[in-house]
């Protein structure tokens, strides 16, 4: 079984029934990542799509340990023997280190998982940050505003997004520039 199929099956098993709205978001992020894959070298494509399927697996109630979904998901994937690179991408997706700092887990996240600064990482962040909670396409600015509105001004998620915003915007911009350079239109 290929890595993308394995990722899909793991994500579906953990999310589809337990948190169906999150599953809708994940399906749309994975579809968007699949639409971007042709902008990547052949050996990078499956990694991006697999990470997109798994990026929010740590929200599954059965997997929550620290409350930092990126870390909980990546640790679970590692325990399942899943691909290290995909696990690292899940651990660091969409500026997770900023949330880890707010929750007191940054040193653990950095020690356990590699944050690759790459086109694949940026494309994963792009797919996540331009997809709303119900699978709808959004600009990154709309997505950030939606998250702030959903959580409220005092929530840890809102606080970390404010700190992460420049890095998120930069990753989205780099992805958009790369897509334009290779003449690929995302979904």
Protein backbone atom coordinates (compact mmCIF):
# COMPACT_ATOMS: atom_id res chain seq x y z
CA UNK A 1 0.00 0.00 0.00
CA UNK A 2 1.28 3.43 -0.90
CA UNK A 3 1.94 6.19 1.60
CA UNK A 4 -0.98 8.34 0.44
CA UNK A 5 -3.48 5.48 0.74
CA UNK A 6 -2.11 4.56 4.18
CA UNK A 7 -2.40 8.20 5.28
CA UNK A 8 -5.97 8.43 4.03
CA UNK A 9 -6.99 5.26 5.85
CA UNK A 10 -5.41 6.37 9.13
CA UNK A 11 -7.00 9.81 8.94
CA UNK A 12 -10.41 8.44 8.04
CA UNK A 13 -10.31 5.92 10.89
CA UNK A 14 -9.43 8.59 13.44
CA UNK A 15 -11.51 11.54 12.23
CA UNK A 16 -14.52 10.60 10.07
CA UNK A 17 -16.81 9.41 12.87
CA UNK A 18 -15.33 11.15 15.90
CA UNK A 19 -15.08 14.69 14.50
CA UNK A 20 -16.85 14.85 11.13
CA UNK A 21 -16.44 18.60 10.64
CA UNK A 22 -12.66 18.27 11.04
CA UNK A 23 -12.80 15.35 8.59
CA UNK A 24 -14.48 17.60 6.00
CA UNK A 25 -11.66 20.15 6.44
CA UNK A 26 -9.00 17.44 6.13
CA UNK A 27 -10.55 16.02 2.95
CA UNK A 28 -10.53 19.48 1.36
CA UNK A 29 -6.93 20.17 2.45
CA UNK A 30 -5.85 16.84 0.96
CA UNK A 31 -7.68 17.60 -2.30
CA UNK A 32 -6.01 20.99 -2.48
CA UNK A 33 -2.61 19.43 -1.77
CA UNK A 34 -3.25 16.91 -4.54
CA UNK A 35 -4.00 19.78 -6.91
CA UNK A 36 -0.64 21.34 -6.02
CA UNK A 37 1.44 18.19 -6.31
CA UNK A 38 2.36 18.71 -9.95
CA UNK A 39 4.28 21.83 -8.90
CA UNK A 40 6.67 19.61 -6.95
CA UNK A 41 9.39 17.20 -8.00
CA UNK A 42 8.03 13.69 -8.52
CA UNK A 43 9.66 12.31 -5.36
CA UNK A 44 8.01 15.01 -3.19
CA UNK A 45 4.39 14.64 -4.30
CA UNK A 46 3.23 11.72 -2.23
CA UNK A 47 4.79 13.21 0.89
CA UNK A 48 2.77 16.41 0.52
CA UNK A 49 -0.54 14.63 -0.01
CA UNK A 50 0.07 12.13 2.81
CA UNK A 51 0.91 14.97 5.22
CA UNK A 52 -2.25 16.80 4.15
CA UNK A 53 -4.37 13.76 4.97
CA UNK A 54 -2.74 13.45 8.39
CA UNK A 55 -2.12 17.07 9.42
CA UNK A 56 -5.04 17.22 11.88
CA UNK A 57 -5.13 13.61 13.06
CA UNK A 58 -4.01 14.80 16.51
CA UNK A 59 -7.46 16.30 17.06
CA UNK A 60 -8.94 12.79 17.27
CA UNK A 61 -10.23 12.36 20.82
CA UNK A 62 -8.45 9.03 21.22
CA UNK A 63 -5.09 10.64 20.40
CA UNK A 64 -5.21 13.78 22.53
CA UNK A 65 -2.45 13.81 25.12
CA UNK A 66 -0.92 17.29 25.37
CA UNK A 67 -3.72 19.25 23.70
CA UNK A 68 -1.30 20.38 21.00
CA UNK A 69 -2.79 18.52 18.04
CA UNK A 70 0.31 18.76 15.87
CA UNK A 71 2.48 17.14 18.54
CA UNK A 72 -0.12 14.57 19.60
CA UNK A 73 -0.73 13.56 15.99
CA UNK A 74 2.95 13.33 15.12
CA UNK A 75 3.74 11.27 18.20
CA UNK A 76 0.91 8.89 17.37
CA UNK A 77 2.07 8.59 13.76
CA UNK A 78 5.61 7.86 14.91
CA UNK A 79 4.28 5.16 17.27
CA UNK A 80 2.43 3.66 14.29
CA UNK A 81 5.74 3.52 12.40
CA UNK A 82 4.60 6.06 9.83
CA UNK A 83 7.07 7.77 7.48
CA UNK A 84 9.39 10.12 9.43
CA UNK A 85 9.24 12.95 6.94
CA UNK A 86 5.45 13.00 6.89
CA UNK A 87 5.43 12.80 10.68
CA UNK A 88 7.79 15.80 10.86
CA UNK A 89 5.57 17.77 8.48
CA UNK A 90 2.51 16.98 10.59
CA UNK A 91 4.35 18.02 13.76
CA UNK A 92 5.28 21.42 12.35
CA UNK A 93 2.33 22.16 10.07
CA UNK A 94 1.03 25.71 9.87
CA UNK A 95 3.42 27.23 12.40
CA UNK A 96 2.69 24.69 15.13
CA UNK A 97 5.82 25.77 16.96
CA UNK A 98 4.11 29.05 17.85
CA UNK A 99 1.26 27.17 19.50
CA UNK A 100 3.78 24.85 21.14
CA UNK A 101 5.47 27.90 22.67
CA UNK A 102 2.14 29.12 24.06
CA UNK A 103 1.36 25.71 25.52
CA UNK A 104 4.86 24.99 26.88
CA UNK A 105 5.80 22.24 24.42
CA UNK A 106 8.16 24.03 22.04
CA UNK A 107 11.33 22.36 23.28
CA UNK A 108 9.72 18.93 22.98
CA UNK A 109 8.37 19.64 19.50
CA UNK A 110 11.76 20.87 18.27
CA UNK A 111 13.67 18.01 19.91
CA UNK A 112 11.42 15.26 18.58
CA UNK A 113 10.58 16.47 15.08
CA UNK A 114 12.45 18.25 12.28
CA UNK A 115 10.97 21.43 10.81
CA UNK A 116 12.03 21.30 7.20
CA UNK A 117 11.95 24.66 5.54
CA UNK A 118 10.98 23.53 2.09
CA UNK A 119 8.56 23.91 -0.75
CA UNK A 120 6.66 20.85 0.52
CA UNK A 121 6.23 22.39 3.96
CA UNK A 122 5.07 25.67 2.46
CA UNK A 123 2.61 23.87 0.17
CA UNK A 124 1.15 21.98 3.14
CA UNK A 125 0.73 25.22 5.08
CA UNK A 126 -0.83 26.83 1.99
CA UNK A 127 -3.35 24.01 1.60
CA UNK A 128 -4.29 24.18 5.27
CA UNK A 129 -4.38 27.96 5.58
CA UNK A 130 -6.52 28.49 2.47
CA UNK A 131 -9.15 25.91 3.44
CA UNK A 132 -11.90 26.72 5.90
CA UNK A 133 -13.34 24.51 8.62
CA UNK A 134 -16.11 23.31 6.32
CA UNK A 135 -13.78 22.64 3.39
CA UNK A 136 -14.41 25.95 1.67
CA UNK A 137 -11.70 27.86 -0.18
CA UNK A 138 -10.56 30.97 1.64
CA UNK A 139 -7.73 33.43 1.39
CA UNK A 140 -5.20 33.15 4.18
CA UNK A 141 -6.46 36.45 5.59
CA UNK A 142 -10.03 35.13 5.64
CA UNK A 143 -8.85 31.94 7.31
CA UNK A 144 -6.97 33.79 10.02
CA UNK A 145 -9.98 36.01 10.65
CA UNK A 146 -12.29 32.97 10.80
CA UNK A 147 -10.06 31.27 13.37
CA UNK A 148 -9.85 34.41 15.52
CA UNK A 149 -13.62 34.81 15.38
CA UNK A 150 -14.28 31.16 16.20
CA UNK A 151 -11.96 31.05 19.22
CA UNK A 152 -12.27 34.60 20.56
CA UNK A 153 -9.58 37.13 21.50
CA UNK A 154 -8.27 35.49 24.69
CA UNK A 155 -7.93 31.92 23.45
CA UNK A 156 -4.44 30.42 23.07
CA UNK A 157 -5.13 29.70 19.40
CA UNK A 158 -5.91 33.36 18.68
CA UNK A 159 -2.81 34.45 20.60
CA UNK A 160 -0.50 32.11 18.72
CA UNK A 161 -2.01 32.99 15.32
CA UNK A 162 -1.14 36.64 15.93
CA UNK A 163 2.49 35.64 16.45
CA UNK A 164 2.52 33.13 13.59
CA UNK A 165 0.82 35.34 11.01
CA UNK A 166 3.98 36.75 9.36
CA UNK A 167 5.45 33.26 8.89
CA UNK A 168 2.15 31.88 7.59
CA UNK A 169 1.71 34.74 5.13
CA UNK A 170 5.28 34.28 3.92
CA UNK A 171 4.76 30.53 3.32
CA UNK A 172 1.54 31.17 1.42
CA UNK A 173 3.23 33.88 -0.65
CA UNK A 174 6.18 31.61 -1.50
CA UNK A 175 3.78 28.87 -2.58
CA UNK A 176 1.72 31.24 -4.72
CA UNK A 177 4.89 32.57 -6.36
CA UNK A 178 6.10 29.04 -7.07
CA UNK A 179 2.73 28.02 -8.51
CA UNK A 180 2.73 31.08 -10.77
CA UNK A 181 6.28 30.33 -11.91
CA UNK A 182 5.34 26.79 -12.96
CA UNK A 183 1.96 27.90 -14.28
CA UNK A 184 -0.24 25.82 -12.00
CA UNK A 185 -3.56 27.09 -10.71
CA UNK A 186 -4.60 25.70 -7.33
CA UNK A 187 -8.17 24.56 -6.74
